[in-house]
Amino acid sequence: MLTDDVLHGGAELGQEVERHISRRTAGRVRQLQVDVRDDCVAVRGVTDTYYVKQLAIQAVCEAFGPDGLPPVEIDIEVRSA
């Protein structure tokens, strides 16, 4: 779960969520980008399976915890390499 200090820094927040997704998916999301805009988090990338996409979604939820999840836009395309 992210700390309150990280939650208040937009760039730091994006980097921390990106690291959490990378760890949870073992780096299997290519071209991973996490952008924090206003009160929304946008996650983009490409992966080979829907399973890895689901792991990435779960990683975002885990990063914020049950009460702190802002609106999230997930755009992870599933396609073969």
PDB file of N, CA and C in Angstrom:
ATOM      1  N   MET A   1       0.845  -1.165   0.000  1.00  0.00           N
ATOM      2  CA  MET A   1       0.000   0.000   0.000  1.00  0.00           C
ATOM      3  C   MET A   1       0.894   1.233   0.000  1.00  0.00           C
ATOM      4  N   LEU A   2       0.479   2.260  -0.710  1.00  0.00           N
ATOM      5  CA  LEU A   2       1.265   3.475  -0.799  1.00  0.00           C
ATOM      6  C   LEU A   2       1.098   4.315   0.455  1.00  0.00           C
ATOM      7  N   THR A   3       2.164   5.004   0.848  1.00  0.00           N
ATOM      8  CA  THR A   3       2.104   5.853   2.024  1.00  0.00           C
ATOM      9  C   THR A   3       1.474   7.185   1.664  1.00  0.00           C
ATOM     10  N   ASP A   4       1.045   7.934   2.680  1.00  0.00           N
ATOM     11  CA  ASP A   4       0.450   9.249   2.449  1.00  0.00           C
ATOM     12  C   ASP A   4       1.425  10.195   1.772  1.00  0.00           C
ATOM     13  N   ASP A   5       2.728  10.089   2.090  1.00  0.00           N
ATOM     14  CA  ASP A   5       3.721  10.953   1.458  1.00  0.00           C
ATOM     15  C   ASP A   5       3.758  10.729  -0.043  1.00  0.00           C
ATOM     16  N   VAL A   6       3.713   9.491  -0.479  1.00  0.00           N
ATOM     17  CA  VAL A   6       3.759   9.177  -1.911  1.00  0.00           C
ATOM     18  C   VAL A   6       2.466   9.609  -2.586  1.00  0.00           C
ATOM     19  N   LEU A   7       1.330   9.470  -1.907  1.00  0.00           N
ATOM     20  CA  LEU A   7       0.040   9.813  -2.502  1.00  0.00           C
ATOM     21  C   LEU A   7      -0.050  11.280  -2.887  1.00  0.00           C
ATOM     22  N   HIS A   8       0.689  12.141  -2.216  1.00  0.00           N
ATOM     23  CA  HIS A   8       0.588  13.563  -2.502  1.00  0.00           C
ATOM     24  C   HIS A   8       1.543  14.021  -3.603  1.00  0.00           C
ATOM     25  N   GLY A   9       2.447  13.196  -4.057  1.00  0.00           N
ATOM     26  CA  GLY A   9       3.365  13.565  -5.130  1.00  0.00           C
ATOM     27  C   GLY A   9       2.982  12.864  -6.419  1.00  0.00           C
ATOM     28  N   GLY A  10       2.503  13.608  -7.437  1.00  0.00           N
ATOM     29  CA  GLY A  10       2.002  13.006  -8.674  1.00  0.00           C
ATOM     30  C   GLY A  10       3.027  12.154  -9.399  1.00  0.00           C
ATOM     31  N   ALA A  11       4.237  12.706  -9.610  1.00  0.00           N
ATOM     32  CA  ALA A  11       5.278  11.959 -10.328  1.00  0.00           C
ATOM     33  C   ALA A  11       5.727  10.754  -9.503  1.00  0.00           C
ATOM     34  N   GLU A  12       5.908  10.967  -8.216  1.00  0.00           N
ATOM     35  CA  GLU A  12       6.312   9.862  -7.343  1.00  0.00           C
ATOM     36  C   GLU A  12       5.243   8.788  -7.304  1.00  0.00           C
ATOM     37  N   LEU A  13       4.002   9.196  -7.280  1.00  0.00           N
ATOM     38  CA  LEU A  13       2.895   8.245  -7.258  1.00  0.00           C
ATOM     39  C   LEU A  13       2.904   7.383  -8.516  1.00  0.00           C
ATOM     40  N   GLY A  14       3.057   8.006  -9.675  1.00  0.00           N
ATOM     41  CA  GLY A  14       3.108   7.258 -10.927  1.00  0.00           C
ATOM     42  C   GLY A  14       4.244   6.259 -10.955  1.00  0.00           C
ATOM     43  N   GLN A  15       5.408   6.668 -10.487  1.00  0.00           N
ATOM     44  CA  GLN A  15       6.570   5.781 -10.473  1.00  0.00           C
ATOM     45  C   GLN A  15       6.366   4.625  -9.507  1.00  0.00           C
ATOM     46  N   GLU A  16       5.769   4.909  -8.355  1.00  0.00           N
ATOM     47  CA  GLU A  16       5.557   3.850  -7.366  1.00  0.00           C
ATOM     48  C   GLU A  16       4.534   2.831  -7.865  1.00  0.00           C
ATOM     49  N   VAL A  17       3.467   3.292  -8.485  1.00  0.00           N
ATOM     50  CA  VAL A  17       2.462   2.371  -9.038  1.00  0.00           C
ATOM     51  C   VAL A  17       3.089   1.548 -10.160  1.00  0.00           C
ATOM     52  N   GLU A  18       3.902   2.194 -11.002  1.00  0.00           N
ATOM     53  CA  GLU A  18       4.585   1.481 -12.086  1.00  0.00           C
ATOM     54  C   GLU A  18       5.501   0.388 -11.528  1.00  0.00           C
ATOM     55  N   ARG A  19       6.242   0.691 -10.483  1.00  0.00           N
ATOM     56  CA  ARG A  19       7.115  -0.322  -9.859  1.00  0.00           C
ATOM     57  C   ARG A  19       6.293  -1.469  -9.278  1.00  0.00           C
ATOM     58  N   HIS A  20       5.177  -1.139  -8.670  1.00  0.00           N
ATOM     59  CA  HIS A  20       4.328  -2.179  -8.070  1.00  0.00           C
ATOM     60  C   HIS A  20       3.769  -3.101  -9.157  1.00  0.00           C
ATOM     61  N   ILE A  21       3.328  -2.530 -10.266  1.00  0.00           N
ATOM     62  CA  ILE A  21       2.824  -3.341 -11.379  1.00  0.00           C
ATOM     63  C   ILE A  21       3.945  -4.221 -11.934  1.00  0.00           C
ATOM     64  N   SER A  22       5.112  -3.654 -12.117  1.00  0.00           N
ATOM     65  CA  SER A  22       6.244  -4.424 -12.656  1.00  0.00           C
ATOM     66  C   SER A  22       6.605  -5.595 -11.754  1.00  0.00           C
ATOM     67  N   ARG A  23       6.624  -5.350 -10.449  1.00  0.00           N
ATOM     68  CA  ARG A  23       6.933  -6.439  -9.512  1.00  0.00           C
ATOM     69  C   ARG A  23       5.856  -7.516  -9.560  1.00  0.00           C
ATOM     70  N   ARG A  24       4.600  -7.097  -9.533  1.00  0.00           N
ATOM     71  CA  ARG A  24       3.475  -8.053  -9.478  1.00  0.00           C
ATOM     72  C   ARG A  24       3.374  -8.887 -10.748  1.00  0.00           C
ATOM     73  N   THR A  25       3.733  -8.297 -11.889  1.00  0.00           N
ATOM     74  CA  THR A  25       3.621  -9.000 -13.173  1.00  0.00           C
ATOM     75  C   THR A  25       4.953  -9.558 -13.642  1.00  0.00           C
ATOM     76  N   ALA A  26       5.981  -9.442 -12.831  1.00  0.00           N
ATOM     77  CA  ALA A  26       7.334  -9.890 -13.183  1.00  0.00           C
ATOM     78  C   ALA A  26       7.801  -9.249 -14.492  1.00  0.00           C
ATOM     79  N   GLY A  27       7.443  -7.997 -14.688  1.00  0.00           N
ATOM     80  CA  GLY A  27       7.900  -7.252 -15.856  1.00  0.00           C
ATOM     81  C   GLY A  27       7.259  -7.675 -17.166  1.00  0.00           C
ATOM     82  N   ARG A  28       6.131  -8.359 -17.109  1.00  0.00           N
ATOM     83  CA  ARG A  28       5.515  -8.872 -18.326  1.00  0.00           C
ATOM     84  C   ARG A  28       4.564  -7.887 -19.009  1.00  0.00           C
ATOM     85  N   VAL A  29       4.518  -6.651 -18.525  1.00  0.00           N
ATOM     86  CA  VAL A  29       3.772  -5.606 -19.230  1.00  0.00           C
ATOM     87  C   VAL A  29       4.805  -4.730 -19.932  1.00  0.00           C
ATOM     88  N   ARG A  30       4.780  -4.771 -21.255  1.00  0.00           N
ATOM     89  CA  ARG A  30       5.719  -3.980 -22.054  1.00  0.00           C
ATOM     90  C   ARG A  30       5.162  -2.568 -22.232  1.00  0.00           C
ATOM     91  N   GLN A  31       6.048  -1.638 -22.476  1.00  0.00           N
ATOM     92  CA  GLN A  31       5.685  -0.238 -22.722  1.00  0.00           C
ATOM     93  C   GLN A  31       4.780   0.306 -21.605  1.00  0.00           C
ATOM     94  N   LEU A  32       5.052  -0.104 -20.381  1.00  0.00           N
ATOM     95  CA  LEU A  32       4.227   0.296 -19.237  1.00  0.00           C
ATOM     96  C   LEU A  32       4.405   1.782 -18.962  1.00  0.00           C
ATOM     97  N   GLN A  33       3.275   2.469 -18.863  1.00  0.00           N
ATOM     98  CA  GLN A  33       3.260   3.886 -18.511  1.00  0.00           C
ATOM     99  C   GLN A  33       2.159   4.117 -17.494  1.00  0.00           C
ATOM    100  N   VAL A  34       2.468   4.857 -16.452  1.00  0.00           N
ATOM    101  CA  VAL A  34       1.469   5.235 -15.453  1.00  0.00           C
ATOM    102  C   VAL A  34       1.491   6.753 -15.360  1.00  0.00           C
ATOM    103  N   ASP A  35       0.349   7.361 -15.661  1.00  0.00           N
ATOM    104  CA  ASP A  35       0.217   8.818 -15.605  1.00  0.00           C
ATOM    105  C   ASP A  35      -0.789   9.188 -14.538  1.00  0.00           C
ATOM    106  N   VAL A  36      -0.427  10.169 -13.734  1.00  0.00           N
ATOM    107  CA  VAL A  36      -1.333  10.668 -12.709  1.00  0.00           C
ATOM    108  C   VAL A  36      -1.799  12.049 -13.149  1.00  0.00           C
ATOM    109  N   ARG A  37      -3.100  12.159 -13.388  1.00  0.00           N
ATOM    110  CA  ARG A  37      -3.690  13.428 -13.813  1.00  0.00           C
ATOM    111  C   ARG A  37      -4.800  13.778 -12.843  1.00  0.00           C
ATOM    112  N   ASP A  38      -4.703  14.947 -12.251  1.00  0.00           N
ATOM    113  CA  ASP A  38      -5.700  15.394 -11.277  1.00  0.00           C
ATOM    114  C   ASP A  38      -5.943  14.280 -10.253  1.00  0.00           C
ATOM    115  N   ASP A  39      -7.140  13.730 -10.231  1.00  0.00           N
ATOM    116  CA  ASP A  39      -7.452  12.653  -9.286  1.00  0.00           C
ATOM    117  C   ASP A  39      -7.650  11.331  -9.993  1.00  0.00           C
ATOM    118  N   CYS A  40      -7.008  11.153 -11.148  1.00  0.00           N
ATOM    119  CA  CYS A  40      -7.176   9.940 -11.949  1.00  0.00           C
ATOM    120  C   CYS A  40      -5.808   9.329 -12.242  1.00  0.00           C
ATOM    121  N   VAL A  41      -5.755   8.014 -12.286  1.00  0.00           N
ATOM    122  CA  VAL A  41      -4.527   7.298 -12.627  1.00  0.00           C
ATOM    123  C   VAL A  41      -4.779   6.548 -13.931  1.00  0.00           C
ATOM    124  N   ALA A  42      -3.928   6.775 -14.927  1.00  0.00           N
ATOM    125  CA  ALA A  42      -4.045   6.096 -16.222  1.00  0.00           C
ATOM    126  C   ALA A  42      -2.883   5.123 -16.371  1.00  0.00           C
ATOM    127  N   VAL A  43      -3.211   3.864 -16.682  1.00  0.00           N
ATOM    128  CA  VAL A  43      -2.206   2.820 -16.839  1.00  0.00           C
ATOM    129  C   VAL A  43      -2.292   2.306 -18.271  1.00  0.00           C
ATOM    130  N   ARG A  44      -1.159   2.321 -18.975  1.00  0.00           N
ATOM    131  CA  ARG A  44      -1.112   1.848 -20.357  1.00  0.00           C
ATOM    132  C   ARG A  44       0.037   0.869 -20.529  1.00  0.00           C
ATOM    133  N   GLY A  45      -0.145  -0.076 -21.449  1.00  0.00           N
ATOM    134  CA  GLY A  45       0.905  -1.029 -21.739  1.00  0.00           C
ATOM    135  C   GLY A  45       0.410  -2.124 -22.659  1.00  0.00           C
ATOM    136  N   VAL A  46       1.274  -3.099 -22.890  1.00  0.00           N
ATOM    137  CA  VAL A  46       0.980  -4.226 -23.769  1.00  0.00           C
ATOM    138  C   VAL A  46       1.466  -5.490 -23.075  1.00  0.00           C
ATOM    139  N   THR A  47       0.670  -6.548 -23.163  1.00  0.00           N
ATOM    140  CA  THR A  47       1.077  -7.828 -22.606  1.00  0.00           C
ATOM    141  C   THR A  47       0.561  -8.958 -23.484  1.00  0.00           C
ATOM    142  N   ASP A  48       1.027 -10.167 -23.228  1.00  0.00           N
ATOM    143  CA  ASP A  48       0.665 -11.314 -24.064  1.00  0.00           C
ATOM    144  C   ASP A  48      -0.600 -12.038 -23.599  1.00  0.00           C
ATOM    145  N   THR A  49      -0.989 -11.865 -22.332  1.00  0.00           N
ATOM    146  CA  THR A  49      -2.119 -12.641 -21.821  1.00  0.00           C
ATOM    147  C   THR A  49      -3.070 -11.775 -20.989  1.00  0.00           C
ATOM    148  N   TYR A  50      -4.326 -12.211 -20.953  1.00  0.00           N
ATOM    149  CA  TYR A  50      -5.309 -11.547 -20.105  1.00  0.00           C
ATOM    150  C   TYR A  50      -4.985 -11.764 -18.635  1.00  0.00           C
ATOM    151  N   TYR A  51      -4.323 -12.848 -18.323  1.00  0.00           N
ATOM    152  CA  TYR A  51      -3.919 -13.117 -16.942  1.00  0.00           C
ATOM    153  C   TYR A  51      -2.978 -12.022 -16.433  1.00  0.00           C
ATOM    154  N   VAL A  52      -2.002 -11.650 -17.235  1.00  0.00           N
ATOM    155  CA  VAL A  52      -1.057 -10.604 -16.826  1.00  0.00           C
ATOM    156  C   VAL A  52      -1.782  -9.264 -16.721  1.00  0.00           C
ATOM    157  N   LYS A  53      -2.729  -9.014 -17.621  1.00  0.00           N
ATOM    158  CA  LYS A  53      -3.523  -7.786 -17.528  1.00  0.00           C
ATOM    159  C   LYS A  53      -4.270  -7.753 -16.198  1.00  0.00           C
ATOM    160  N   GLN A  54      -4.856  -8.883 -15.805  1.00  0.00           N
ATOM    161  CA  GLN A  54      -5.559  -8.959 -14.530  1.00  0.00           C
ATOM    162  C   GLN A  54      -4.603  -8.744 -13.357  1.00  0.00           C
ATOM    163  N   LEU A  55      -3.401  -9.297 -13.435  1.00  0.00           N
ATOM    164  CA  LEU A  55      -2.402  -9.061 -12.381  1.00  0.00           C
ATOM    165  C   LEU A  55      -2.068  -7.577 -12.266  1.00  0.00           C
ATOM    166  N   ALA A  56      -1.980  -6.893 -13.399  1.00  0.00           N
ATOM    167  CA  ALA A  56      -1.682  -5.460 -13.390  1.00  0.00           C
ATOM    168  C   ALA A  56      -2.816  -4.679 -12.725  1.00  0.00           C
ATOM    169  N   ILE A  57      -4.049  -5.040 -13.040  1.00  0.00           N
ATOM    170  CA  ILE A  57      -5.201  -4.382 -12.416  1.00  0.00           C
ATOM    171  C   ILE A  57      -5.185  -4.622 -10.905  1.00  0.00           C
ATOM    172  N   GLN A  58      -4.915  -5.845 -10.518  1.00  0.00           N
ATOM    173  CA  GLN A  58      -4.858  -6.165  -9.104  1.00  0.00           C
ATOM    174  C   GLN A  58      -3.726  -5.410  -8.414  1.00  0.00           C
ATOM    175  N   ALA A  59      -2.605  -5.245  -9.089  1.00  0.00           N
ATOM    176  CA  ALA A  59      -1.472  -4.511  -8.518  1.00  0.00           C
ATOM    177  C   ALA A  59      -1.848  -3.063  -8.241  1.00  0.00           C
ATOM    178  N   VAL A  60      -2.619  -2.448  -9.133  1.00  0.00           N
ATOM    179  CA  VAL A  60      -3.064  -1.073  -8.908  1.00  0.00           C
ATOM    180  C   VAL A  60      -3.955  -1.018  -7.670  1.00  0.00           C
ATOM    181  N   CYS A  61      -4.879  -1.948  -7.563  1.00  0.00           N
ATOM    182  CA  CYS A  61      -5.764  -1.992  -6.392  1.00  0.00           C
ATOM    183  C   CYS A  61      -4.969  -2.192  -5.107  1.00  0.00           C
ATOM    184  N   GLU A  62      -3.993  -3.083  -5.142  1.00  0.00           N
ATOM    185  CA  GLU A  62      -3.157  -3.337  -3.966  1.00  0.00           C
ATOM    186  C   GLU A  62      -2.341  -2.110  -3.582  1.00  0.00           C
ATOM    187  N   ALA A  63      -1.860  -1.386  -4.585  1.00  0.00           N
ATOM    188  CA  ALA A  63      -1.016  -0.228  -4.327  1.00  0.00           C
ATOM    189  C   ALA A  63      -1.761   0.839  -3.534  1.00  0.00           C
ATOM    190  N   PHE A  64      -3.048   0.994  -3.794  1.00  0.00           N
ATOM    191  CA  PHE A  64      -3.817   2.037  -3.125  1.00  0.00           C
ATOM    192  C   PHE A  64      -4.557   1.556  -1.894  1.00  0.00           C
ATOM    193  N   GLY A  65      -4.748   0.267  -1.759  1.00  0.00           N
ATOM    194  CA  GLY A  65      -5.486  -0.243  -0.612  1.00  0.00           C
ATOM    195  C   GLY A  65      -6.982  -0.104  -0.817  1.00  0.00           C
ATOM    196  N   PRO A  66      -7.760  -0.593   0.123  1.00  0.00           N
ATOM    197  CA  PRO A  66      -9.210  -0.651  -0.052  1.00  0.00           C
ATOM    198  C   PRO A  66      -9.906   0.709  -0.034  1.00  0.00           C
ATOM    199  N   ASP A  67      -9.344   1.695   0.636  1.00  0.00           N
ATOM    200  CA  ASP A  67     -10.049   2.975   0.788  1.00  0.00           C
ATOM    201  C   ASP A  67      -9.508   4.098  -0.079  1.00  0.00           C
ATOM    202  N   GLY A  68      -8.304   3.943  -0.635  1.00  0.00           N
ATOM    203  CA  GLY A  68      -7.681   5.072  -1.306  1.00  0.00           C
ATOM    204  C   GLY A  68      -7.656   5.022  -2.809  1.00  0.00           C
ATOM    205  N   LEU A  69      -8.404   4.123  -3.448  1.00  0.00           N
ATOM    206  CA  LEU A  69      -8.329   3.957  -4.895  1.00  0.00           C
ATOM    207  C   LEU A  69      -9.048   5.083  -5.621  1.00  0.00           C
ATOM    208  N   PRO A  70      -8.293   5.910  -6.378  1.00  0.00           N
ATOM    209  CA  PRO A  70      -8.935   6.960  -7.180  1.00  0.00           C
ATOM    210  C   PRO A  70      -9.486   6.341  -8.466  1.00  0.00           C
ATOM    211  N   PRO A  71     -10.188   7.124  -9.280  1.00  0.00           N
ATOM    212  CA  PRO A  71     -10.600   6.594 -10.578  1.00  0.00           C
ATOM    213  C   PRO A  71      -9.368   6.146 -11.366  1.00  0.00           C
ATOM    214  N   VAL A  72      -9.462   4.976 -11.983  1.00  0.00           N
ATOM    215  CA  VAL A  72      -8.329   4.401 -12.715  1.00  0.00           C
ATOM    216  C   VAL A  72      -8.762   4.075 -14.129  1.00  0.00           C
ATOM    217  N   GLU A  73      -7.950   4.463 -15.088  1.00  0.00           N
ATOM    218  CA  GLU A  73      -8.173   4.131 -16.491  1.00  0.00           C
ATOM    219  C   GLU A  73      -7.121   3.100 -16.886  1.00  0.00           C
ATOM    220  N   ILE A  74      -7.555   1.898 -17.234  1.00  0.00           N
ATOM    221  CA  ILE A  74      -6.628   0.821 -17.600  1.00  0.00           C
ATOM    222  C   ILE A  74      -6.717   0.610 -19.096  1.00  0.00           C
ATOM    223  N   ASP A  75      -5.595   0.771 -19.782  1.00  0.00           N
ATOM    224  CA  ASP A  75      -5.533   0.544 -21.224  1.00  0.00           C
ATOM    225  C   ASP A  75      -4.327  -0.362 -21.508  1.00  0.00           C
ATOM    226  N   ILE A  76      -4.469  -1.624 -21.127  1.00  0.00           N
ATOM    227  CA  ILE A  76      -3.407  -2.600 -21.375  1.00  0.00           C
ATOM    228  C   ILE A  76      -3.881  -3.512 -22.496  1.00  0.00           C
ATOM    229  N   GLU A  77      -3.219  -3.411 -23.615  1.00  0.00           N
ATOM    230  CA  GLU A  77      -3.592  -4.194 -24.786  1.00  0.00           C
ATOM    231  C   GLU A  77      -3.013  -5.605 -24.679  1.00  0.00           C
ATOM    232  N   VAL A  78      -3.815  -6.594 -25.009  1.00  0.00           N
ATOM    233  CA  VAL A  78      -3.354  -7.978 -24.994  1.00  0.00           C
ATOM    234  C   VAL A  78      -3.109  -8.413 -26.434  1.00  0.00           C
ATOM    235  N   ARG A  79      -1.844  -8.698 -26.729  1.00  0.00           N
ATOM    236  CA  ARG A  79      -1.469  -9.173 -28.070  1.00  0.00           C
ATOM    237  C   ARG A  79      -0.178  -9.954 -27.973  1.00  0.00           C
ATOM    238  N   SER A  80       0.043 -10.839 -28.921  1.00  0.00           N
ATOM    239  CA  SER A  80       1.282 -11.618 -28.926  1.00  0.00           C
ATOM    240  C   SER A  80       2.456 -10.747 -29.325  1.00  0.00           C
ATOM    241  N   ALA A  81       3.610 -11.140 -28.840  1.00  0.00           N
ATOM    242  CA  ALA A  81       4.837 -10.382 -29.123  1.00  0.00           C
ATOM    243  C   ALA A  81       5.228 -10.458 -30.557  1.00  0.00           C
TER     244      ALA A  81
END
